């Protein structure tokens, strides 16, 4: 059984921030339904933590995915000419 402690609202807040970032990026790239992507990100983050029983592992995986996404985005941007 999953215990609900002081870390639960903190984790939910982190997931909300991550979902907000997903929403902003999806809207910037003109995706069809950014709100559904943001909600799915939030729900899957919570479900993954409950299913795995480990919040830290889920956060590490999400951080790795975010760093890889940002690295690809920085490489795909055209160089700014002076």
Protein backbone atom coordinates (compact mmCIF):
# COMPACT_ATOMS: atom_id res chain seq x y z
CA UNK A 1 0.00 0.00 0.00
CA UNK A 2 1.25 3.44 -0.87
CA UNK A 3 1.91 5.76 2.05
CA UNK A 4 0.90 9.38 1.73
CA UNK A 5 3.33 11.66 3.47
CA UNK A 6 4.73 15.15 3.28
CA UNK A 7 6.48 14.35 0.00
CA UNK A 8 3.23 13.64 -1.82
CA UNK A 9 2.15 17.26 -2.37
CA UNK A 10 5.74 18.18 -3.24
CA UNK A 11 5.88 15.43 -5.84
CA UNK A 12 2.48 16.47 -7.21
CA UNK A 13 3.77 20.03 -7.45
CA UNK A 14 6.84 18.88 -9.37
CA UNK A 15 4.60 16.94 -11.73
CA UNK A 16 2.41 20.02 -12.18
CA UNK A 17 5.45 22.14 -13.09
CA UNK A 18 6.62 19.47 -15.54
CA UNK A 19 3.13 19.28 -17.05
CA UNK A 20 3.11 23.05 -17.45
CA UNK A 21 6.40 22.84 -19.31
CA UNK A 22 5.01 20.10 -21.57
CA UNK A 23 1.95 22.26 -22.25
CA UNK A 24 4.06 25.29 -23.12
CA UNK A 25 6.33 23.31 -25.46
CA UNK A 26 3.39 21.56 -27.15
CA UNK A 27 1.68 24.89 -27.70
CA UNK A 28 4.88 26.45 -29.03
CA UNK A 29 5.31 23.61 -31.53
CA UNK A 30 1.67 23.91 -32.57
CA UNK A 31 0.56 20.44 -31.47
CA UNK A 32 -3.09 19.50 -31.78
CA UNK A 33 -4.04 19.22 -28.08
CA UNK A 34 -1.43 20.50 -25.63
CA UNK A 35 -3.81 20.26 -22.67
CA UNK A 36 -4.28 16.52 -23.18
CA UNK A 37 -0.50 16.06 -23.37
CA UNK A 38 -0.05 18.02 -20.14
CA UNK A 39 -2.75 16.06 -18.33
CA UNK A 40 -1.32 12.76 -19.58
CA UNK A 41 2.14 13.78 -18.37
CA UNK A 42 0.78 14.55 -14.91
CA UNK A 43 -1.29 11.37 -14.65
CA UNK A 44 1.45 9.07 -15.97
CA UNK A 45 3.96 10.64 -13.57
CA UNK A 46 1.69 9.90 -10.61
CA UNK A 47 0.81 6.40 -11.84
CA UNK A 48 4.48 5.57 -12.49
CA UNK A 49 5.44 6.59 -8.96
CA UNK A 50 2.64 4.50 -7.45
CA UNK A 51 3.34 1.49 -9.68
CA UNK A 52 7.09 1.56 -9.11
CA UNK A 53 6.83 2.55 -5.48
CA UNK A 54 9.76 4.87 -5.89
CA UNK A 55 9.48 8.60 -6.49
CA UNK A 56 13.18 9.28 -6.88
CA UNK A 57 13.55 6.83 -9.77
CA UNK A 58 10.65 8.43 -11.64
CA UNK A 59 12.14 11.90 -11.10
CA UNK A 60 15.55 10.76 -12.35
CA UNK A 61 14.03 9.25 -15.49
CA UNK A 62 12.01 12.42 -16.13
CA UNK A 63 15.12 14.57 -15.61
CA UNK A 64 17.11 12.46 -18.08
CA UNK A 65 14.32 12.74 -20.66
CA UNK A 66 14.13 16.51 -20.14
CA UNK A 67 17.91 16.95 -20.53
CA UNK A 68 17.91 14.86 -23.71
CA UNK A 69 14.99 16.89 -25.11
CA UNK A 70 16.76 20.17 -24.36
CA UNK A 71 19.99 18.88 -25.91
CA UNK A 72 18.20 17.92 -29.12
CA UNK A 73 16.39 21.27 -29.20
CA UNK A 74 19.63 23.21 -28.81
CA UNK A 75 21.25 21.28 -31.67
CA UNK A 76 18.28 21.70 -34.00
CA UNK A 77 18.12 25.49 -33.65
CA UNK A 78 19.86 27.41 -36.41
CA UNK A 79 22.97 29.32 -35.44
CA UNK A 80 22.44 33.03 -34.94
CA UNK A 81 24.57 35.09 -37.27
CA UNK A 82 26.13 38.28 -35.85
